[in-house]
Each structure stands twice: as C-alpha cells, then as structure tokens.
C-alpha atoms as a PDB file:
ATOM      1  CA  MET A   1      69.528 -83.579 -45.458  1.00  0.00           C
ATOM      2  CA  LYS A   2      69.207 -81.025 -48.210  1.00  0.00           C
ATOM      3  CA  SER A   3      70.211 -77.586 -49.431  1.00  0.00           C
ATOM      4  CA  THR A   4      67.772 -74.852 -50.327  1.00  0.00           C
ATOM      5  CA  SER A   5      67.702 -71.149 -51.115  1.00  0.00           C
ATOM      6  CA  ILE A   6      65.556 -68.758 -49.068  1.00  0.00           C
ATOM      7  CA  ASN A   7      64.751 -65.075 -48.850  1.00  0.00           C
ATOM      8  CA  CYS A   8      65.223 -64.035 -45.255  1.00  0.00           C
ATOM      9  CA  VAL A   9      65.876 -61.304 -42.718  1.00  0.00           C
ATOM     10  CA  ILE A  10      68.643 -61.494 -40.134  1.00  0.00           C
ATOM     11  CA  LEU A  11      67.245 -61.110 -36.617  1.00  0.00           C
ATOM     12  CA  GLY A  12      70.614 -61.256 -34.887  1.00  0.00           C
ATOM     13  CA  HIS A  13      73.768 -63.269 -34.378  1.00  0.00           C
ATOM     14  CA  LYS A  14      76.300 -64.212 -31.729  1.00  0.00           C
ATOM     15  CA  ASP A  15      79.710 -65.835 -31.509  1.00  0.00           C
ATOM     16  CA  PHE A  16      79.454 -69.616 -31.574  1.00  0.00           C
ATOM     17  CA  THR A  17      83.007 -70.960 -31.659  1.00  0.00           C
ATOM     18  CA  GLU A  18      86.407 -69.378 -32.172  1.00  0.00           C
ATOM     19  CA  ASN A  19      85.710 -69.005 -35.898  1.00  0.00           C
ATOM     20  CA  ASP A  20      81.954 -69.440 -36.326  1.00  0.00           C
ATOM     21  CA  LYS A  21      78.794 -67.460 -35.639  1.00  0.00           C
ATOM     22  CA  LEU A  22      75.278 -68.541 -34.779  1.00  0.00           C
ATOM     23  CA  VAL A  23      72.836 -66.535 -36.896  1.00  0.00           C
ATOM     24  CA  TYR A  24      69.085 -66.152 -36.367  1.00  0.00           C
ATOM     25  CA  LEU A  25      67.161 -65.935 -39.638  1.00  0.00           C
ATOM     26  CA  TYR A  26      63.492 -65.536 -40.415  1.00  0.00           C
ATOM     27  CA  SER A  27      61.990 -66.735 -43.691  1.00  0.00           C
ATOM     28  CA  GLU A  28      58.423 -67.218 -44.855  1.00  0.00           C
ATOM     29  CA  GLU A  29      59.146 -70.894 -45.597  1.00  0.00           C
ATOM     30  CA  PHE A  30      60.736 -71.978 -42.324  1.00  0.00           C
ATOM     31  CA  GLY A  31      59.909 -69.243 -39.831  1.00  0.00           C
ATOM     32  CA  LYS A  32      62.699 -68.482 -37.375  1.00  0.00           C
ATOM     33  CA  ILE A  33      65.732 -70.744 -37.677  1.00  0.00           C
ATOM     34  CA  LYS A  34      69.246 -70.883 -36.230  1.00  0.00           C
ATOM     35  CA  VAL A  35      72.080 -71.418 -38.686  1.00  0.00           C
ATOM     36  CA  ILE A  36      75.817 -71.746 -38.255  1.00  0.00           C
ATOM     37  CA  ALA A  37      77.988 -69.484 -40.388  1.00  0.00           C
ATOM     38  CA  LYS A  38      81.305 -71.305 -40.471  1.00  0.00           C
ATOM     39  CA  GLY A  39      84.333 -69.023 -40.498  1.00  0.00           C
ATOM     40  CA  ALA A  40      82.163 -65.913 -40.089  1.00  0.00           C
ATOM     41  CA  ARG A  41      84.388 -64.520 -37.310  1.00  0.00           C
ATOM     42  CA  LYS A  42      87.448 -64.488 -39.562  1.00  0.00           C
ATOM     43  CA  ILE A  43      88.462 -61.141 -41.069  1.00  0.00           C
ATOM     44  CA  THR A  44      88.583 -62.717 -44.521  1.00  0.00           C
ATOM     45  CA  SER A  45      85.162 -64.378 -44.197  1.00  0.00           C
ATOM     46  CA  LYS A  46      82.907 -64.373 -47.244  1.00  0.00           C
ATOM     47  CA  PHE A  47      80.070 -63.466 -44.848  1.00  0.00           C
ATOM     48  CA  THR A  48      81.614 -60.121 -43.856  1.00  0.00           C
ATOM     49  CA  GLY A  49      79.038 -57.336 -44.231  1.00  0.00           C
ATOM     50  CA  HIS A  50      76.183 -59.728 -44.992  1.00  0.00           C
ATOM     51  CA  LEU A  51      75.248 -60.733 -41.433  1.00  0.00           C
ATOM     52  CA  GLU A  52      74.256 -57.312 -40.127  1.00  0.00           C
ATOM     53  CA  THR A  53      71.072 -57.381 -38.051  1.00  0.00           C
ATOM     54  CA  LEU A  54      67.933 -56.714 -40.129  1.00  0.00           C
ATOM     55  CA  ASN A  55      69.712 -57.149 -43.439  1.00  0.00           C
ATOM     56  CA  PHE A  56      67.368 -58.665 -45.995  1.00  0.00           C
ATOM     57  CA  ALA A  57      69.128 -61.357 -47.974  1.00  0.00           C
ATOM     58  CA  THR A  58      69.020 -64.429 -50.154  1.00  0.00           C
ATOM     59  CA  ALA A  59      70.700 -67.338 -48.395  1.00  0.00           C
ATOM     60  CA  GLU A  60      71.614 -70.885 -49.254  1.00  0.00           C
ATOM     61  CA  ILE A  61      71.284 -73.180 -46.269  1.00  0.00           C
ATOM     62  CA  TYR A  62      72.124 -76.834 -45.719  1.00  0.00           C
ATOM     63  CA  PHE A  63      70.122 -79.023 -43.340  1.00  0.00           C
ATOM     64  CA  GLY A  64      72.719 -81.228 -41.676  1.00  0.00           C
ATOM     65  CA  PRO A  65      72.078 -84.071 -39.230  1.00  0.00           C
ATOM     66  CA  ARG A  66      72.448 -81.807 -36.191  1.00  0.00           C
ATOM     67  CA  ASN A  67      72.641 -78.200 -37.382  1.00  0.00           C
ATOM     68  CA  ILE A  68      71.603 -75.968 -40.244  1.00  0.00           C
ATOM     69  CA  ILE A  69      74.650 -74.581 -42.050  1.00  0.00           C
ATOM     70  CA  LEU A  70      74.730 -71.236 -43.863  1.00  0.00           C
ATOM     71  CA  LYS A  71      76.559 -71.869 -47.121  1.00  0.00           C
ATOM     72  CA  GLU A  72      76.105 -68.573 -48.986  1.00  0.00           C
ATOM     73  CA  ILE A  73      74.364 -65.254 -48.372  1.00  0.00           C
ATOM     74  CA  ILE A  74      73.833 -62.171 -50.538  1.00  0.00           C
ATOM     75  CA  THR A  75      72.419 -58.940 -49.125  1.00  0.00           C
ATOM     76  CA  ILE A  76      69.362 -57.618 -50.957  1.00  0.00           C
ATOM     77  CA  LYS A  77      68.659 -54.574 -48.778  1.00  0.00           C
ATOM     78  CA  ASN A  78      70.379 -53.250 -45.673  1.00  0.00           C
ATOM     79  CA  PHE A  79      68.716 -49.907 -44.793  1.00  0.00           C
ATOM     80  CA  LYS A  80      72.196 -48.463 -44.306  1.00  0.00           C
ATOM     81  CA  LYS A  81      70.798 -44.934 -43.852  1.00  0.00           C
ATOM     82  CA  ILE A  82      69.250 -45.956 -40.520  1.00  0.00           C
ATOM     83  CA  ARG A  83      72.692 -46.713 -39.068  1.00  0.00           C
ATOM     84  CA  ASP A  84      73.720 -43.054 -39.454  1.00  0.00           C
ATOM     85  CA  ASN A  85      71.138 -41.844 -36.911  1.00  0.00           C
ATOM     86  CA  PHE A  86      71.391 -42.964 -33.276  1.00  0.00           C
ATOM     87  CA  GLU A  87      67.667 -42.681 -32.505  1.00  0.00           C
ATOM     88  CA  SER A  88      66.709 -44.579 -35.653  1.00  0.00           C
ATOM     89  CA  LEU A  89      69.349 -47.233 -34.995  1.00  0.00           C
ATOM     90  CA  SER A  90      68.150 -47.696 -31.384  1.00  0.00           C
ATOM     91  CA  ALA A  91      64.547 -48.135 -32.551  1.00  0.00           C
ATOM     92  CA  THR A  92      65.657 -50.623 -35.193  1.00  0.00           C
ATOM     93  CA  MET A  93      67.746 -52.691 -32.780  1.00  0.00           C
ATOM     94  CA  GLN A  94      64.782 -52.832 -30.381  1.00  0.00           C
ATOM     95  CA  ILE A  95      62.629 -54.194 -33.209  1.00  0.00           C
ATOM     96  CA  ALA A  96      65.212 -56.880 -34.019  1.00  0.00           C
ATOM     97  CA  GLU A  97      65.877 -57.895 -30.420  1.00  0.00           C
ATOM     98  CA  ILE A  98      62.257 -58.217 -29.371  1.00  0.00           C
ATOM     99  CA  THR A  99      61.239 -59.950 -32.609  1.00  0.00           C
ATOM    100  CA  ASN A 100      63.978 -62.516 -32.011  1.00  0.00           C
ATOM    101  CA  GLN A 101      62.844 -62.997 -28.403  1.00  0.00           C
ATOM    102  CA  ILE A 102      59.166 -63.322 -29.269  1.00  0.00           C
ATOM    103  CA  LEU A 103      59.593 -65.977 -31.949  1.00  0.00           C
ATOM    104  CA  TYR A 104      60.283 -69.566 -30.996  1.00  0.00           C
ATOM    105  CA  GLU A 105      62.156 -71.842 -33.377  1.00  0.00           C
ATOM    106  CA  ASN A 106      60.309 -72.515 -36.653  1.00  0.00           C
ATOM    107  CA  GLN A 107      57.469 -70.156 -35.691  1.00  0.00           C
ATOM    108  CA  LYS A 108      55.870 -68.336 -38.610  1.00  0.00           C
ATOM    109  CA  ILE A 109      53.866 -65.114 -38.499  1.00  0.00           C
ATOM    110  CA  ASP A 110      51.837 -64.162 -41.552  1.00  0.00           C
ATOM    111  CA  ASN A 111      53.438 -61.332 -43.547  1.00  0.00           C
ATOM    112  CA  LEU A 112      56.108 -60.658 -40.916  1.00  0.00           C
ATOM    113  CA  ILE A 113      58.778 -59.796 -43.489  1.00  0.00           C
ATOM    114  CA  GLU A 114      56.384 -57.333 -45.116  1.00  0.00           C
ATOM    115  CA  LEU A 115      55.724 -55.734 -41.710  1.00  0.00           C
ATOM    116  CA  LEU A 116      59.460 -55.527 -40.969  1.00  0.00           C
ATOM    117  CA  ILE A 117      60.211 -53.880 -44.304  1.00  0.00           C
ATOM    118  CA  ASP A 118      57.369 -51.416 -43.763  1.00  0.00           C
ATOM    119  CA  ALA A 119      58.697 -50.519 -40.288  1.00  0.00           C
ATOM    120  CA  LEU A 120      62.259 -50.008 -41.490  1.00  0.00           C
ATOM    121  CA  GLU A 121      61.151 -47.928 -44.457  1.00  0.00           C
ATOM    122  CA  GLN A 122      59.078 -45.719 -42.143  1.00  0.00           C
ATOM    123  CA  ILE A 123      61.980 -45.345 -39.702  1.00  0.00           C
ATOM    124  CA  SER A 124      64.344 -44.384 -42.508  1.00  0.00           C
ATOM    125  CA  THR A 125      62.009 -41.709 -43.888  1.00  0.00           C
ATOM    126  CA  ASN A 126      60.061 -40.210 -40.965  1.00  0.00           C
ATOM    127  CA  ASN A 127      61.189 -38.356 -37.838  1.00  0.00           C
ATOM    128  CA  LYS A 128      59.399 -40.595 -35.328  1.00  0.00           C
ATOM    129  CA  PRO A 129      61.473 -43.794 -35.139  1.00  0.00           C
ATOM    130  CA  ALA A 130      60.571 -44.584 -31.515  1.00  0.00           C
ATOM    131  CA  LEU A 131      56.850 -44.297 -32.222  1.00  0.00           C
ATOM    132  CA  THR A 132      57.181 -46.462 -35.330  1.00  0.00           C
ATOM    133  CA  SER A 133      59.069 -49.064 -33.291  1.00  0.00           C
ATOM    134  CA  GLN A 134      56.332 -49.081 -30.638  1.00  0.00           C
ATOM    135  CA  ALA A 135      53.631 -49.509 -33.277  1.00  0.00           C
ATOM    136  CA  TYR A 136      55.560 -52.391 -34.854  1.00  0.00           C
ATOM    137  CA  LEU A 137      55.954 -54.120 -31.490  1.00  0.00           C
ATOM    138  CA  ILE A 138      52.245 -53.801 -30.705  1.00  0.00           C
ATOM    139  CA  LYS A 139      51.444 -55.301 -34.111  1.00  0.00           C
ATOM    140  CA  ILE A 140      53.807 -58.273 -33.815  1.00  0.00           C
ATOM    141  CA  LEU A 141      52.616 -59.009 -30.271  1.00  0.00           C
ATOM    142  CA  ASP A 142      49.070 -58.970 -31.615  1.00  0.00           C
ATOM    143  CA  ARG A 143      49.895 -61.232 -34.588  1.00  0.00           C
ATOM    144  CA  SER A 144      51.746 -63.698 -32.375  1.00  0.00           C
ATOM    145  CA  GLY A 145      48.872 -63.883 -29.877  1.00  0.00           C
ATOM    146  CA  LEU A 146      50.920 -62.343 -27.059  1.00  0.00           C
ATOM    147  CA  ILE A 147      49.206 -58.971 -26.839  1.00  0.00           C
ATOM    148  CA  PRO A 148      47.974 -58.409 -23.268  1.00  0.00           C
ATOM    149  CA  ASP A 149      44.855 -56.621 -22.115  1.00  0.00           C
ATOM    150  CA  PHE A 150      45.998 -52.996 -22.088  1.00  0.00           C
ATOM    151  CA  LYS A 151      43.665 -52.174 -19.189  1.00  0.00           C
ATOM    152  CA  THR A 152      45.186 -54.880 -17.020  1.00  0.00           C
ATOM    153  CA  ILE A 153      48.868 -54.670 -17.813  1.00  0.00           C
ATOM    154  CA  ALA A 154      49.365 -50.939 -18.242  1.00  0.00           C
ATOM    155  CA  GLY A 155      47.726 -49.923 -14.967  1.00  0.00           C
ATOM    156  CA  LYS A 156      45.144 -47.206 -14.613  1.00  0.00           C
ATOM    157  CA  LEU A 157      45.663 -45.493 -17.929  1.00  0.00           C
ATOM    158  CA  GLU A 158      43.391 -42.737 -19.069  1.00  0.00           C
ATOM    159  CA  GLN A 159      40.976 -43.630 -21.829  1.00  0.00           C
ATOM    160  CA  LYS A 160      42.974 -41.629 -24.365  1.00  0.00           C
ATOM    161  CA  TYR A 161      45.970 -43.945 -23.878  1.00  0.00           C
ATOM    162  CA  LEU A 162      43.857 -47.044 -24.317  1.00  0.00           C
ATOM    163  CA  LYS A 163      42.625 -45.524 -27.575  1.00  0.00           C
ATOM    164  CA  PHE A 164      46.231 -44.713 -28.475  1.00  0.00           C
ATOM    165  CA  PHE A 165      47.371 -48.347 -28.146  1.00  0.00           C
ATOM    166  CA  HIS A 166      44.307 -49.543 -30.045  1.00  0.00           C
ATOM    167  CA  PHE A 167      45.268 -47.080 -32.801  1.00  0.00           C
ATOM    168  CA  LEU A 168      48.798 -48.510 -32.921  1.00  0.00           C
ATOM    169  CA  LYS A 169      47.396 -52.024 -33.197  1.00  0.00           C
ATOM    170  CA  THR A 170      44.887 -51.364 -35.954  1.00  0.00           C
ATOM    171  CA  LYS A 171      46.256 -48.572 -38.152  1.00  0.00           C
ATOM    172  CA  SER A 172      49.009 -48.686 -40.756  1.00  0.00           C
ATOM    173  CA  LEU A 173      52.514 -47.596 -39.850  1.00  0.00           C
ATOM    174  CA  LYS A 174      52.166 -44.703 -42.279  1.00  0.00           C
ATOM    175  CA  GLU A 175      49.157 -43.403 -40.338  1.00  0.00           C
ATOM    176  CA  ILE A 176      51.117 -43.644 -37.069  1.00  0.00           C
ATOM    177  CA  GLU A 177      53.335 -40.822 -38.315  1.00  0.00           C
ATOM    178  CA  LYS A 178      50.429 -38.402 -37.818  1.00  0.00           C
ATOM    179  CA  ILE A 179      50.450 -38.876 -34.034  1.00  0.00           C
ATOM    180  CA  ALA A 180      51.841 -36.016 -31.937  1.00  0.00           C
ATOM    181  CA  LEU A 181      52.650 -36.590 -28.259  1.00  0.00           C
ATOM    182  CA  ASN A 182      53.853 -34.051 -25.751  1.00  0.00           C
ATOM    183  CA  LYS A 183      56.640 -34.872 -23.291  1.00  0.00           C
ATOM    184  CA  LYS A 184      54.326 -36.105 -20.525  1.00  0.00           C
ATOM    185  CA  GLU A 185      52.323 -38.256 -22.935  1.00  0.00           C
ATOM    186  CA  SER A 186      55.519 -39.760 -24.366  1.00  0.00           C
ATOM    187  CA  GLU A 187      56.749 -40.662 -20.884  1.00  0.00           C
ATOM    188  CA  THR A 188      53.433 -42.350 -20.049  1.00  0.00           C
ATOM    189  CA  VAL A 189      53.446 -44.289 -23.317  1.00  0.00           C
ATOM    190  CA  ASN A 190      57.067 -45.392 -22.835  1.00  0.00           C
ATOM    191  CA  LYS A 191      56.358 -46.720 -19.328  1.00  0.00           C
ATOM    192  CA  ALA A 192      53.265 -48.549 -20.524  1.00  0.00           C
ATOM    193  CA  MET A 193      55.210 -50.075 -23.444  1.00  0.00           C
ATOM    194  CA  GLU A 194      57.885 -51.352 -21.065  1.00  0.00           C
ATOM    195  CA  GLN A 195      55.187 -53.129 -19.040  1.00  0.00           C
ATOM    196  CA  ILE A 196      53.492 -54.532 -22.136  1.00  0.00           C
ATOM    197  CA  VAL A 197      56.732 -55.943 -23.576  1.00  0.00           C
ATOM    198  CA  ALA A 198      57.944 -57.295 -20.206  1.00  0.00           C
ATOM    199  CA  TYR A 199      54.595 -59.057 -19.673  1.00  0.00           C
ATOM    200  CA  SER A 200      54.644 -60.580 -23.159  1.00  0.00           C
ATOM    201  CA  LEU A 201      58.197 -61.970 -23.194  1.00  0.00           C
END
C-alpha cells in the first residue's frame, strides 16, 4: 500500500455509491486505472470541477488493499473552449468514450497522452472536429493492435477511401486538417468508421 502522485487524463467517471464516484484515469506510469473519489458526489466536494472528462490533471492516489483511492486532484488543462461548441464537444466525448472502452485495466499505449493533447488542441483550433476525432480513433486502434483490415471490415470501398484511411493512420493530425470531403464522401466515411469501431470493440 502506498501513495503516489501522477500526471493523468480523466477518461470518464460514474456514480459509485451515494456519495462517491468511480473515476477512470490514464497515466504513463500505470496505464488505465480505476480510482474511487470519496465524497465526489457531494455539492461541497473538493473534487468539484476537477473530474470533468478529458481534464488533464495532477493527482495523488493511494493504493489500498482492495481499491485505489483518489486523495487529491488539481486540473492542469481542461480545454474549456471545446465545451462551448456542440460539434467539438461531441467529437471530444467520442474520443473519451472509445478510448476508455479500448483500454483494459493497467494497459499502456506509448505516447497516448501526447496523442490526446494533440487531438484536443486540433479540435479546439480547427473547423473539422469530426474528422480529427476519426483520425485519432484510427491512430489509437492502430497503436493498440486493434486496427482491422480496412478492405475486409469496411466492405467494398473504392480505392480512394482505402487511401483515405491509410492517410488518417499515418499522417499527423495537423495534416488531416487539409482533407476536404463532400457530403457523399463524408457519409461513406462515417459508415465505414462505425463498422471499424464496432469490429474493434
């Protein structure tokens, strides 16, 4: 049993007991972990405002005999601007939800926090949040070894779409911003992404 301080990102949380919350954190040291934030559901909780999904924070955690307890947490960065735009917020919540689903407990992915920060910074500054979210998801599926064969899972896609998904996988998120899709292309990409994510989870 010990206490330690970590830099982490909050992947999500849910009610645990009448007063407590179960919080999913990701850190470079421990990968994905579940911690209990005691009293977090109380209006006067010291955790209020610090447990928002995809907040980046410094946390002090205690490894108890059965559970990991969140003792303190201080927000470092919260990308508050994203929450003012519905499309950006939807893309961000998709990133958090699927990241949390993909990772098993204690799993680590090299440079995941760096990738998350990059994605959120791109979403907060460009006008293509959905495309940035799709590129992020392709990259994390690839890094976690869950990326399927695009030819198999996405059906009979034209060659240009296969090239498109390869571009998302291999290019930086900044370069993704250059992509321009018409309505029909966007619909095809969205359907293919749904199949890719459903197959991988």
